Amino acid sequence: MQILIKFPDAETESRALGKLIPRFSGKSWSTGETAVPAQALGFLADQGIQFTVIGPAPYEYVTPLRDPSTVGVQ
């Protein structure tokens, strides 16, 4: 399950992403929100990085959008 979180400022976000990227998959948006696996929350806390949990990431946030013009395989 992906959890949506937000960091208090851009510097904290940058530091956190630097620690998260080698260990966890996730996605970050220009709005400042970041989707991470639930296991990453404990890791961030252990690293002393402040963040706010927004809640479970909506399905649309974590699945790639499909192009409706894509041709199906026969």
PDB file of N, CA and C in Angstrom:
ATOM      1  N   MET A   1       0.839  -1.176   0.000  1.00  0.00           N
ATOM      2  CA  MET A   1       0.000   0.000   0.000  1.00  0.00           C
ATOM      3  C   MET A   1       0.888   1.244   0.000  1.00  0.00           C
ATOM      4  N   GLN A   2       0.568   2.186  -0.855  1.00  0.00           N
ATOM      5  CA  GLN A   2       1.283   3.444  -0.926  1.00  0.00           C
ATOM      6  C   GLN A   2       0.581   4.468  -0.026  1.00  0.00           C
ATOM      7  N   ILE A   3       1.381   5.216   0.723  1.00  0.00           N
ATOM      8  CA  ILE A   3       0.878   6.235   1.629  1.00  0.00           C
ATOM      9  C   ILE A   3       1.314   7.597   1.117  1.00  0.00           C
ATOM     10  N   LEU A   4       0.410   8.538   1.132  1.00  0.00           N
ATOM     11  CA  LEU A   4       0.700   9.901   0.698  1.00  0.00           C
ATOM     12  C   LEU A   4       1.218  10.702   1.884  1.00  0.00           C
ATOM     13  N   ILE A   5       2.395  11.317   1.717  1.00  0.00           N
ATOM     14  CA  ILE A   5       2.985  12.133   2.778  1.00  0.00           C
ATOM     15  C   ILE A   5       3.401  13.476   2.203  1.00  0.00           C
ATOM     16  N   LYS A   6       3.700  14.415   3.100  1.00  0.00           N
ATOM     17  CA  LYS A   6       4.168  15.739   2.692  1.00  0.00           C
ATOM     18  C   LYS A   6       5.253  16.168   3.677  1.00  0.00           C
ATOM     19  N   PHE A   7       6.305  16.776   3.154  1.00  0.00           N
ATOM     20  CA  PHE A   7       7.406  17.260   3.977  1.00  0.00           C
ATOM     21  C   PHE A   7       7.210  18.739   4.281  1.00  0.00           C
ATOM     22  N   PRO A   8       7.772  19.228   5.397  1.00  0.00           N
ATOM     23  CA  PRO A   8       7.525  20.618   5.799  1.00  0.00           C
ATOM     24  C   PRO A   8       8.148  21.665   4.877  1.00  0.00           C
ATOM     25  N   ASP A   9       9.202  21.295   4.145  1.00  0.00           N
ATOM     26  CA  ASP A   9       9.842  22.257   3.250  1.00  0.00           C
ATOM     27  C   ASP A   9      10.626  21.514   2.165  1.00  0.00           C
ATOM     28  N   ALA A  10      11.072  22.257   1.164  1.00  0.00           N
ATOM     29  CA  ALA A  10      11.768  21.663   0.019  1.00  0.00           C
ATOM     30  C   ALA A  10      13.101  21.029   0.418  1.00  0.00           C
ATOM     31  N   GLU A  11      13.791  21.613   1.366  1.00  0.00           N
ATOM     32  CA  GLU A  11      15.084  21.064   1.801  1.00  0.00           C
ATOM     33  C   GLU A  11      14.888  19.695   2.454  1.00  0.00           C
ATOM     34  N   THR A  12      13.898  19.572   3.308  1.00  0.00           N
ATOM     35  CA  THR A  12      13.599  18.291   3.955  1.00  0.00           C
ATOM     36  C   THR A  12      13.174  17.263   2.916  1.00  0.00           C
ATOM     37  N   GLU A  13      12.357  17.682   1.962  1.00  0.00           N
ATOM     38  CA  GLU A  13      11.914  16.775   0.902  1.00  0.00           C
ATOM     39  C   GLU A  13      13.105  16.254   0.103  1.00  0.00           C
ATOM     40  N   SER A  14      14.003  17.132  -0.255  1.00  0.00           N
ATOM     41  CA  SER A  14      15.183  16.738  -1.019  1.00  0.00           C
ATOM     42  C   SER A  14      16.045  15.736  -0.246  1.00  0.00           C
ATOM     43  N   ARG A  15      16.264  16.016   1.024  1.00  0.00           N
ATOM     44  CA  ARG A  15      17.060  15.113   1.873  1.00  0.00           C
ATOM     45  C   ARG A  15      16.373  13.755   2.000  1.00  0.00           C
ATOM     46  N   ALA A  16      15.060  13.777   2.205  1.00  0.00           N
ATOM     47  CA  ALA A  16      14.297  12.536   2.362  1.00  0.00           C
ATOM     48  C   ALA A  16      14.319  11.712   1.079  1.00  0.00           C
ATOM     49  N   LEU A  17      14.109  12.352  -0.053  1.00  0.00           N
ATOM     50  CA  LEU A  17      14.111  11.625  -1.313  1.00  0.00           C
ATOM     51  C   LEU A  17      15.471  11.001  -1.588  1.00  0.00           C
ATOM     52  N   GLY A  18      16.534  11.688  -1.195  1.00  0.00           N
ATOM     53  CA  GLY A  18      17.879  11.135  -1.351  1.00  0.00           C
ATOM     54  C   GLY A  18      18.073   9.855  -0.552  1.00  0.00           C
ATOM     55  N   LYS A  19      17.418   9.751   0.575  1.00  0.00           N
ATOM     56  CA  LYS A  19      17.508   8.543   1.407  1.00  0.00           C
ATOM     57  C   LYS A  19      16.516   7.472   0.957  1.00  0.00           C
ATOM     58  N   LEU A  20      15.371   7.903   0.442  1.00  0.00           N
ATOM     59  CA  LEU A  20      14.339   6.952   0.036  1.00  0.00           C
ATOM     60  C   LEU A  20      14.646   6.248  -1.288  1.00  0.00           C
ATOM     61  N   ILE A  21      15.151   6.991  -2.248  1.00  0.00           N
ATOM     62  CA  ILE A  21      15.314   6.479  -3.613  1.00  0.00           C
ATOM     63  C   ILE A  21      16.089   5.161  -3.679  1.00  0.00           C
ATOM     64  N   PRO A  22      17.209   5.003  -2.973  1.00  0.00           N
ATOM     65  CA  PRO A  22      17.918   3.721  -3.102  1.00  0.00           C
ATOM     66  C   PRO A  22      17.199   2.540  -2.429  1.00  0.00           C
ATOM     67  N   ARG A  23      16.227   2.803  -1.581  1.00  0.00           N
ATOM     68  CA  ARG A  23      15.623   1.733  -0.771  1.00  0.00           C
ATOM     69  C   ARG A  23      14.160   1.421  -1.100  1.00  0.00           C
ATOM     70  N   PHE A  24      13.418   2.414  -1.541  1.00  0.00           N
ATOM     71  CA  PHE A  24      11.976   2.247  -1.732  1.00  0.00           C
ATOM     72  C   PHE A  24      11.536   2.834  -3.064  1.00  0.00           C
ATOM     73  N   SER A  25      10.448   2.277  -3.604  1.00  0.00           N
ATOM     74  CA  SER A  25       9.848   2.878  -4.792  1.00  0.00           C
ATOM     75  C   SER A  25       8.812   3.896  -4.328  1.00  0.00           C
ATOM     76  N   GLY A  26       8.519   4.832  -5.156  1.00  0.00           N
ATOM     77  CA  GLY A  26       7.543   5.849  -4.801  1.00  0.00           C
ATOM     78  C   GLY A  26       7.388   6.849  -5.921  1.00  0.00           C
ATOM     79  N   LYS A  27       6.650   7.889  -5.645  1.00  0.00           N
ATOM     80  CA  LYS A  27       6.418   8.929  -6.638  1.00  0.00           C
ATOM     81  C   LYS A  27       6.238  10.252  -5.914  1.00  0.00           C
ATOM     82  N   SER A  28       6.779  11.302  -6.516  1.00  0.00           N
ATOM     83  CA  SER A  28       6.693  12.634  -5.929  1.00  0.00           C
ATOM     84  C   SER A  28       6.070  13.578  -6.950  1.00  0.00           C
ATOM     85  N   TRP A  29       5.266  14.520  -6.474  1.00  0.00           N
ATOM     86  CA  TRP A  29       4.608  15.481  -7.345  1.00  0.00           C
ATOM     87  C   TRP A  29       5.060  16.898  -7.008  1.00  0.00           C
ATOM     88  N   SER A  30       4.879  17.791  -7.944  1.00  0.00           N
ATOM     89  CA  SER A  30       5.271  19.186  -7.752  1.00  0.00           C
ATOM     90  C   SER A  30       4.445  19.874  -6.666  1.00  0.00           C
ATOM     91  N   THR A  31       3.340  19.270  -6.260  1.00  0.00           N
ATOM     92  CA  THR A  31       2.503  19.816  -5.192  1.00  0.00           C
ATOM     93  C   THR A  31       3.153  19.627  -3.821  1.00  0.00           C
ATOM     94  N   GLY A  32       4.241  18.834  -3.781  1.00  0.00           N
ATOM     95  CA  GLY A  32       4.915  18.559  -2.521  1.00  0.00           C
ATOM     96  C   GLY A  32       4.496  17.249  -1.892  1.00  0.00           C
ATOM     97  N   GLU A  33       3.531  16.583  -2.499  1.00  0.00           N
ATOM     98  CA  GLU A  33       3.095  15.288  -1.995  1.00  0.00           C
ATOM     99  C   GLU A  33       3.997  14.194  -2.543  1.00  0.00           C
ATOM    100  N   THR A  34       4.185  13.166  -1.736  1.00  0.00           N
ATOM    101  CA  THR A  34       5.007  12.024  -2.121  1.00  0.00           C
ATOM    102  C   THR A  34       4.287  10.750  -1.696  1.00  0.00           C
ATOM    103  N   ALA A  35       4.219   9.778  -2.594  1.00  0.00           N
ATOM    104  CA  ALA A  35       3.633   8.472  -2.275  1.00  0.00           C
ATOM    105  C   ALA A  35       4.773   7.504  -2.010  1.00  0.00           C
ATOM    106  N   VAL A  36       4.739   6.858  -0.864  1.00  0.00           N
ATOM    107  CA  VAL A  36       5.778   5.896  -0.481  1.00  0.00           C
ATOM    108  C   VAL A  36       5.111   4.642   0.076  1.00  0.00           C
ATOM    109  N   PRO A  37       5.820   3.502   0.056  1.00  0.00           N
ATOM    110  CA  PRO A  37       5.256   2.315   0.703  1.00  0.00           C
ATOM    111  C   PRO A  37       5.159   2.528   2.208  1.00  0.00           C
ATOM    112  N   ALA A  38       4.225   1.850   2.838  1.00  0.00           N
ATOM    113  CA  ALA A  38       4.013   2.011   4.283  1.00  0.00           C
ATOM    114  C   ALA A  38       5.301   1.761   5.076  1.00  0.00           C
ATOM    115  N   GLN A  39       6.149   0.826   4.625  1.00  0.00           N
ATOM    116  CA  GLN A  39       7.395   0.518   5.331  1.00  0.00           C
ATOM    117  C   GLN A  39       8.358   1.705   5.359  1.00  0.00           C
ATOM    118  N   ALA A  40       8.235   2.608   4.412  1.00  0.00           N
ATOM    119  CA  ALA A  40       9.129   3.764   4.345  1.00  0.00           C
ATOM    120  C   ALA A  40       8.878   4.757   5.476  1.00  0.00           C
ATOM    121  N   LEU A  41       7.683   4.742   6.059  1.00  0.00           N
ATOM    122  CA  LEU A  41       7.357   5.692   7.123  1.00  0.00           C
ATOM    123  C   LEU A  41       8.258   5.480   8.335  1.00  0.00           C
ATOM    124  N   GLY A  42       8.438   4.240   8.736  1.00  0.00           N
ATOM    125  CA  GLY A  42       9.324   3.928   9.859  1.00  0.00           C
ATOM    126  C   GLY A  42      10.762   4.290   9.552  1.00  0.00           C
ATOM    127  N   PHE A  43      11.180   4.035   8.329  1.00  0.00           N
ATOM    128  CA  PHE A  43      12.537   4.383   7.910  1.00  0.00           C
ATOM    129  C   PHE A  43      12.769   5.886   8.025  1.00  0.00           C
ATOM    130  N   LEU A  44      11.828   6.684   7.518  1.00  0.00           N
ATOM    131  CA  LEU A  44      11.963   8.144   7.591  1.00  0.00           C
ATOM    132  C   LEU A  44      12.003   8.610   9.046  1.00  0.00           C
ATOM    133  N   ALA A  45      11.170   8.042   9.872  1.00  0.00           N
ATOM    134  CA  ALA A  45      11.148   8.414  11.289  1.00  0.00           C
ATOM    135  C   ALA A  45      12.485   8.069  11.951  1.00  0.00           C
ATOM    136  N   ASP A  46      13.036   6.881  11.638  1.00  0.00           N
ATOM    137  CA  ASP A  46      14.336   6.486  12.190  1.00  0.00           C
ATOM    138  C   ASP A  46      15.456   7.416  11.746  1.00  0.00           C
ATOM    139  N   GLN A  47      15.307   8.001  10.565  1.00  0.00           N
ATOM    140  CA  GLN A  47      16.299   8.925  10.025  1.00  0.00           C
ATOM    141  C   GLN A  47      16.131  10.339  10.592  1.00  0.00           C
ATOM    142  N   GLY A  48      15.075  10.555  11.369  1.00  0.00           N
ATOM    143  CA  GLY A  48      14.826  11.870  11.960  1.00  0.00           C
ATOM    144  C   GLY A  48      14.254  12.876  10.974  1.00  0.00           C
ATOM    145  N   ILE A  49      13.628  12.394   9.925  1.00  0.00           N
ATOM    146  CA  ILE A  49      13.055  13.278   8.901  1.00  0.00           C
ATOM    147  C   ILE A  49      11.589  13.525   9.224  1.00  0.00           C
ATOM    148  N   GLN A  50      11.223  14.800   9.316  1.00  0.00           N
ATOM    149  CA  GLN A  50       9.840  15.172   9.624  1.00  0.00           C
ATOM    150  C   GLN A  50       8.972  15.076   8.373  1.00  0.00           C
ATOM    151  N   PHE A  51       7.757  14.588   8.556  1.00  0.00           N
ATOM    152  CA  PHE A  51       6.787  14.508   7.470  1.00  0.00           C
ATOM    153  C   PHE A  51       5.397  14.424   8.071  1.00  0.00           C
ATOM    154  N   THR A  52       4.410  14.720   7.255  1.00  0.00           N
ATOM    155  CA  THR A  52       3.015  14.614   7.657  1.00  0.00           C
ATOM    156  C   THR A  52       2.359  13.547   6.803  1.00  0.00           C
ATOM    157  N   VAL A  53       1.651  12.633   7.437  1.00  0.00           N
ATOM    158  CA  VAL A  53       0.922  11.606   6.703  1.00  0.00           C
ATOM    159  C   VAL A  53      -0.422  12.188   6.273  1.00  0.00           C
ATOM    160  N   ILE A  54      -0.687  12.136   4.987  1.00  0.00           N
ATOM    161  CA  ILE A  54      -1.958  12.609   4.452  1.00  0.00           C
ATOM    162  C   ILE A  54      -2.969  11.462   4.466  1.00  0.00           C
ATOM    163  N   GLY A  55      -2.510  10.263   4.119  1.00  0.00           N
ATOM    164  CA  GLY A  55      -3.374   9.086   4.130  1.00  0.00           C
ATOM    165  C   GLY A  55      -3.023   8.155   2.994  1.00  0.00           C
ATOM    166  N   PRO A  56      -3.820   7.128   2.794  1.00  0.00           N
ATOM    167  CA  PRO A  56      -3.566   6.209   1.690  1.00  0.00           C
ATOM    168  C   PRO A  56      -3.602   6.947   0.355  1.00  0.00           C
ATOM    169  N   ALA A  57      -2.664   6.621  -0.516  1.00  0.00           N
ATOM    170  CA  ALA A  57      -2.624   7.271  -1.829  1.00  0.00           C
ATOM    171  C   ALA A  57      -3.766   6.744  -2.685  1.00  0.00           C
ATOM    172  N   PRO A  58      -4.529   7.634  -3.309  1.00  0.00           N
ATOM    173  CA  PRO A  58      -5.612   7.180  -4.192  1.00  0.00           C
ATOM    174  C   PRO A  58      -5.054   6.337  -5.336  1.00  0.00           C
ATOM    175  N   TYR A  59      -5.827   5.387  -5.769  1.00  0.00           N
ATOM    176  CA  TYR A  59      -5.427   4.480  -6.839  1.00  0.00           C
ATOM    177  C   TYR A  59      -4.913   5.237  -8.064  1.00  0.00           C
ATOM    178  N   GLU A  60      -5.557   6.329  -8.415  1.00  0.00           N
ATOM    179  CA  GLU A  60      -5.178   7.100  -9.607  1.00  0.00           C
ATOM    180  C   GLU A  60      -3.774   7.700  -9.472  1.00  0.00           C
ATOM    181  N   TYR A  61      -3.329   7.923  -8.241  1.00  0.00           N
ATOM    182  CA  TYR A  61      -2.012   8.511  -8.004  1.00  0.00           C
ATOM    183  C   TYR A  61      -0.883   7.531  -8.258  1.00  0.00           C
ATOM    184  N   VAL A  62      -1.114   6.260  -7.997  1.00  0.00           N
ATOM    185  CA  VAL A  62      -0.012   5.300  -8.026  1.00  0.00           C
ATOM    186  C   VAL A  62      -0.040   4.341  -9.204  1.00  0.00           C
ATOM    187  N   THR A  63      -1.059   4.403 -10.038  1.00  0.00           N
ATOM    188  CA  THR A  63      -1.084   3.574 -11.232  1.00  0.00           C
ATOM    189  C   THR A  63      -0.898   4.456 -12.446  1.00  0.00           C
ATOM    190  N   PRO A  64      -0.109   3.967 -13.401  1.00  0.00           N
ATOM    191  CA  PRO A  64       0.101   4.774 -14.602  1.00  0.00           C
ATOM    192  C   PRO A  64      -1.197   4.933 -15.394  1.00  0.00           C
ATOM    193  N   LEU A  65      -1.342   6.084 -15.988  1.00  0.00           N
ATOM    194  CA  LEU A  65      -2.516   6.314 -16.830  1.00  0.00           C
ATOM    195  C   LEU A  65      -2.341   5.548 -18.129  1.00  0.00           C
ATOM    196  N   ARG A  66      -3.405   4.949 -18.593  1.00  0.00           N
ATOM    197  CA  ARG A  66      -3.329   4.211 -19.841  1.00  0.00           C
ATOM    198  C   ARG A  66      -3.830   5.091 -20.967  1.00  0.00           C
ATOM    199  N   ASP A  67      -3.162   4.969 -22.095  1.00  0.00           N
ATOM    200  CA  ASP A  67      -3.534   5.718 -23.276  1.00  0.00           C
ATOM    201  C   ASP A  67      -4.690   4.976 -23.961  1.00  0.00           C
ATOM    202  N   PRO A  68      -5.873   5.605 -24.043  1.00  0.00           N
ATOM    203  CA  PRO A  68      -7.021   4.919 -24.640  1.00  0.00           C
ATOM    204  C   PRO A  68      -6.821   4.606 -26.116  1.00  0.00           C
ATOM    205  N   SER A  69      -5.865   5.252 -26.767  1.00  0.00           N
ATOM    206  CA  SER A  69      -5.632   5.004 -28.189  1.00  0.00           C
ATOM    207  C   SER A  69      -4.682   3.825 -28.410  1.00  0.00           C
ATOM    208  N   THR A  70      -4.227   3.177 -27.358  1.00  0.00           N
ATOM    209  CA  THR A  70      -3.332   2.043 -27.489  1.00  0.00           C
ATOM    210  C   THR A  70      -4.047   0.880 -28.154  1.00  0.00           C
ATOM    211  N   VAL A  71      -3.347   0.236 -29.059  1.00  0.00           N
ATOM    212  CA  VAL A  71      -3.910  -0.894 -29.773  1.00  0.00           C
ATOM    213  C   VAL A  71      -3.774  -2.151 -28.919  1.00  0.00           C
ATOM    214  N   GLY A  72      -4.835  -2.917 -28.824  1.00  0.00           N
ATOM    215  CA  GLY A  72      -4.817  -4.155 -28.050  1.00  0.00           C
ATOM    216  C   GLY A  72      -4.060  -5.255 -28.776  1.00  0.00           C
ATOM    217  N   VAL A  73      -3.546  -6.200 -28.026  1.00  0.00           N
ATOM    218  CA  VAL A  73      -2.834  -7.336 -28.582  1.00  0.00           C
ATOM    219  C   VAL A  73      -3.857  -8.412 -28.945  1.00  0.00           C
ATOM    220  N   GLN A  74      -3.708  -8.984 -30.127  1.00  0.00           N
ATOM    221  CA  GLN A  74      -4.663 -10.028 -30.572  1.00  0.00           C
ATOM    222  C   GLN A  74      -4.018 -11.383 -30.549  1.00  0.00           C
TER     223      GLN A  74
END
